[in-house]
């Protein structure tokens, strides 16, 4: 059963510029495994985090770094949650996540489904 859905869009160049202007921002927004990627990849990670928060109903206290976008053996994006995000998901009965990312025209969109 679907517990929640979330979608977000990120401007790739805007996020890249924010990270160049404020280098400490990467540590606040991105898990260690996500840092150092291309601006396009980082925008996908950020959009996915926003979409996860929306799928969970936007509870207070979520940490951006408690969501990490990884990839499976076929290159598909996968969400890894821990800490505050895992706790919020558990309260709602979320057992699995589905994520889709798309990049076009300088933008990245993320769609997330939280499933029980």
C-alpha atoms as a PDB file:
ATOM      1  CA  UNK A   1       0.000   0.000   0.000  1.00  0.00           C
ATOM      2  CA  UNK A   2       1.222   3.502  -0.804  1.00  0.00           C
ATOM      3  CA  UNK A   3       1.929   5.509   2.343  1.00  0.00           C
ATOM      4  CA  UNK A   4       2.960   8.689   0.541  1.00  0.00           C
ATOM      5  CA  UNK A   5       4.303  10.191  -2.655  1.00  0.00           C
ATOM      6  CA  UNK A   6       6.580  13.142  -3.179  1.00  0.00           C
ATOM      7  CA  UNK A   7       7.970  15.032  -6.133  1.00  0.00           C
ATOM      8  CA  UNK A   8      10.535  17.804  -6.376  1.00  0.00           C
ATOM      9  CA  UNK A   9      12.401  19.672  -9.079  1.00  0.00           C
ATOM     10  CA  UNK A  10      15.847  21.235  -8.754  1.00  0.00           C
ATOM     11  CA  UNK A  11      17.663  23.721 -10.958  1.00  0.00           C
ATOM     12  CA  UNK A  12      21.062  22.127 -11.584  1.00  0.00           C
ATOM     13  CA  UNK A  13      23.064  25.331 -12.105  1.00  0.00           C
ATOM     14  CA  UNK A  14      21.413  27.073  -9.147  1.00  0.00           C
ATOM     15  CA  UNK A  15      22.323  24.235  -6.780  1.00  0.00           C
ATOM     16  CA  UNK A  16      25.839  24.034  -8.240  1.00  0.00           C
ATOM     17  CA  UNK A  17      26.345  27.756  -7.684  1.00  0.00           C
ATOM     18  CA  UNK A  18      25.030  27.545  -4.104  1.00  0.00           C
ATOM     19  CA  UNK A  19      27.492  24.733  -3.365  1.00  0.00           C
ATOM     20  CA  UNK A  20      30.401  26.704  -4.900  1.00  0.00           C
ATOM     21  CA  UNK A  21      29.426  29.848  -2.974  1.00  0.00           C
ATOM     22  CA  UNK A  22      28.966  28.003   0.341  1.00  0.00           C
ATOM     23  CA  UNK A  23      31.202  24.900   0.430  1.00  0.00           C
ATOM     24  CA  UNK A  24      29.937  23.847   3.900  1.00  0.00           C
ATOM     25  CA  UNK A  25      26.466  23.446   2.406  1.00  0.00           C
ATOM     26  CA  UNK A  26      27.438  20.084   0.887  1.00  0.00           C
ATOM     27  CA  UNK A  27      28.035  18.543   4.327  1.00  0.00           C
ATOM     28  CA  UNK A  28      24.637  19.796   5.544  1.00  0.00           C
ATOM     29  CA  UNK A  29      22.680  18.579   2.511  1.00  0.00           C
ATOM     30  CA  UNK A  30      24.500  15.538   1.176  1.00  0.00           C
ATOM     31  CA  UNK A  31      25.503  12.171   2.619  1.00  0.00           C
ATOM     32  CA  UNK A  32      29.228  11.421   2.371  1.00  0.00           C
ATOM     33  CA  UNK A  33      28.676   9.014  -0.532  1.00  0.00           C
ATOM     34  CA  UNK A  34      26.865  11.714  -2.526  1.00  0.00           C
ATOM     35  CA  UNK A  35      29.451  14.466  -2.115  1.00  0.00           C
ATOM     36  CA  UNK A  36      31.856  15.152  -4.949  1.00  0.00           C
ATOM     37  CA  UNK A  37      29.499  14.218  -7.779  1.00  0.00           C
ATOM     38  CA  UNK A  38      28.621  16.376 -10.766  1.00  0.00           C
ATOM     39  CA  UNK A  39      26.195  19.257 -10.344  1.00  0.00           C
ATOM     40  CA  UNK A  40      23.588  17.184 -12.184  1.00  0.00           C
ATOM     41  CA  UNK A  41      24.057  14.245  -9.814  1.00  0.00           C
ATOM     42  CA  UNK A  42      23.934  16.483  -6.738  1.00  0.00           C
ATOM     43  CA  UNK A  43      20.710  18.118  -7.948  1.00  0.00           C
ATOM     44  CA  UNK A  44      19.190  14.653  -8.313  1.00  0.00           C
ATOM     45  CA  UNK A  45      20.201  13.753  -4.773  1.00  0.00           C
ATOM     46  CA  UNK A  46      18.766  16.991  -3.390  1.00  0.00           C
ATOM     47  CA  UNK A  47      15.494  16.665  -5.318  1.00  0.00           C
ATOM     48  CA  UNK A  48      15.136  13.077  -4.064  1.00  0.00           C
ATOM     49  CA  UNK A  49      15.627  14.213  -0.450  1.00  0.00           C
ATOM     50  CA  UNK A  50      12.929  16.868  -0.852  1.00  0.00           C
ATOM     51  CA  UNK A  51      10.610  14.287  -2.431  1.00  0.00           C
ATOM     52  CA  UNK A  52      11.221  11.875   0.492  1.00  0.00           C
ATOM     53  CA  UNK A  53      10.278  14.600   2.981  1.00  0.00           C
ATOM     54  CA  UNK A  54       7.069  15.260   1.047  1.00  0.00           C
ATOM     55  CA  UNK A  55       6.250  11.536   0.870  1.00  0.00           C
ATOM     56  CA  UNK A  56       6.565  11.411   4.669  1.00  0.00           C
ATOM     57  CA  UNK A  57       4.298  14.431   5.130  1.00  0.00           C
ATOM     58  CA  UNK A  58       7.089  16.853   6.020  1.00  0.00           C
ATOM     59  CA  UNK A  59       7.643  15.930   9.684  1.00  0.00           C
ATOM     60  CA  UNK A  60       9.900  18.240  11.686  1.00  0.00           C
ATOM     61  CA  UNK A  61      13.425  17.166  12.511  1.00  0.00           C
ATOM     62  CA  UNK A  62      14.405  15.341   9.316  1.00  0.00           C
ATOM     63  CA  UNK A  63      18.110  15.530   8.524  1.00  0.00           C
ATOM     64  CA  UNK A  64      19.042  15.815   4.846  1.00  0.00           C
ATOM     65  CA  UNK A  65      22.017  13.521   5.347  1.00  0.00           C
ATOM     66  CA  UNK A  66      19.724  10.738   6.619  1.00  0.00           C
ATOM     67  CA  UNK A  67      18.664  10.107   3.011  1.00  0.00           C
ATOM     68  CA  UNK A  68      21.279   8.885   0.530  1.00  0.00           C
ATOM     69  CA  UNK A  69      20.817   8.182  -3.158  1.00  0.00           C
ATOM     70  CA  UNK A  70      22.841   5.165  -4.272  1.00  0.00           C
ATOM     71  CA  UNK A  71      22.529   2.961  -7.355  1.00  0.00           C
ATOM     72  CA  UNK A  72      21.875  -0.735  -7.826  1.00  0.00           C
ATOM     73  CA  UNK A  73      23.889  -3.045 -10.084  1.00  0.00           C
ATOM     74  CA  UNK A  74      21.880  -1.871 -13.116  1.00  0.00           C
ATOM     75  CA  UNK A  75      22.410   1.805 -12.349  1.00  0.00           C
ATOM     76  CA  UNK A  76      18.901   2.463 -11.032  1.00  0.00           C
ATOM     77  CA  UNK A  77      18.696   4.994  -8.197  1.00  0.00           C
ATOM     78  CA  UNK A  78      17.999   3.537  -4.755  1.00  0.00           C
ATOM     79  CA  UNK A  79      17.163   5.359  -1.514  1.00  0.00           C
ATOM     80  CA  UNK A  80      19.026   4.476   1.678  1.00  0.00           C
ATOM     81  CA  UNK A  81      17.445   5.999   4.803  1.00  0.00           C
ATOM     82  CA  UNK A  82      18.793   6.163   8.332  1.00  0.00           C
ATOM     83  CA  UNK A  83      18.414   8.144  11.553  1.00  0.00           C
ATOM     84  CA  UNK A  84      15.611  10.713  11.609  1.00  0.00           C
ATOM     85  CA  UNK A  85      14.221   9.692   8.215  1.00  0.00           C
ATOM     86  CA  UNK A  86      14.200   5.971   9.047  1.00  0.00           C
ATOM     87  CA  UNK A  87      12.410   6.735  12.330  1.00  0.00           C
ATOM     88  CA  UNK A  88       9.743   8.866  10.611  1.00  0.00           C
ATOM     89  CA  UNK A  89       9.274   6.188   7.963  1.00  0.00           C
ATOM     90  CA  UNK A  90       8.923   3.466  10.601  1.00  0.00           C
ATOM     91  CA  UNK A  91       6.221   5.466  12.417  1.00  0.00           C
ATOM     92  CA  UNK A  92       4.242   5.510   9.162  1.00  0.00           C
ATOM     93  CA  UNK A  93       4.897   1.845   8.379  1.00  0.00           C
ATOM     94  CA  UNK A  94       7.120   2.494   5.342  1.00  0.00           C
ATOM     95  CA  UNK A  95       8.939  -0.701   4.355  1.00  0.00           C
ATOM     96  CA  UNK A  96      10.159   0.156   0.871  1.00  0.00           C
ATOM     97  CA  UNK A  97      10.975   3.129  -1.313  1.00  0.00           C
ATOM     98  CA  UNK A  98      10.715   3.729  -5.049  1.00  0.00           C
ATOM     99  CA  UNK A  99      12.565   6.619  -6.680  1.00  0.00           C
ATOM    100  CA  UNK A 100      12.842   7.917 -10.221  1.00  0.00           C
ATOM    101  CA  UNK A 101      15.135  10.736 -11.333  1.00  0.00           C
ATOM    102  CA  UNK A 102      15.130  12.600 -14.641  1.00  0.00           C
ATOM    103  CA  UNK A 103      17.399  15.352 -15.928  1.00  0.00           C
ATOM    104  CA  UNK A 104      16.553  17.678 -18.831  1.00  0.00           C
ATOM    105  CA  UNK A 105      16.935  21.315 -19.767  1.00  0.00           C
ATOM    106  CA  UNK A 106      19.090  22.163 -16.769  1.00  0.00           C
ATOM    107  CA  UNK A 107      16.548  20.750 -14.325  1.00  0.00           C
ATOM    108  CA  UNK A 108      16.285  17.531 -12.347  1.00  0.00           C
ATOM    109  CA  UNK A 109      13.025  16.028 -11.142  1.00  0.00           C
ATOM    110  CA  UNK A 110      12.652  13.323  -8.503  1.00  0.00           C
ATOM    111  CA  UNK A 111       9.579  11.216  -7.833  1.00  0.00           C
ATOM    112  CA  UNK A 112       9.417   9.139  -4.628  1.00  0.00           C
ATOM    113  CA  UNK A 113       6.853   6.592  -3.488  1.00  0.00           C
ATOM    114  CA  UNK A 114       6.864   5.323   0.114  1.00  0.00           C
ATOM    115  CA  UNK A 115       5.236   1.909   0.428  1.00  0.00           C
ATOM    116  CA  UNK A 116       4.188  -0.208   3.392  1.00  0.00           C
END
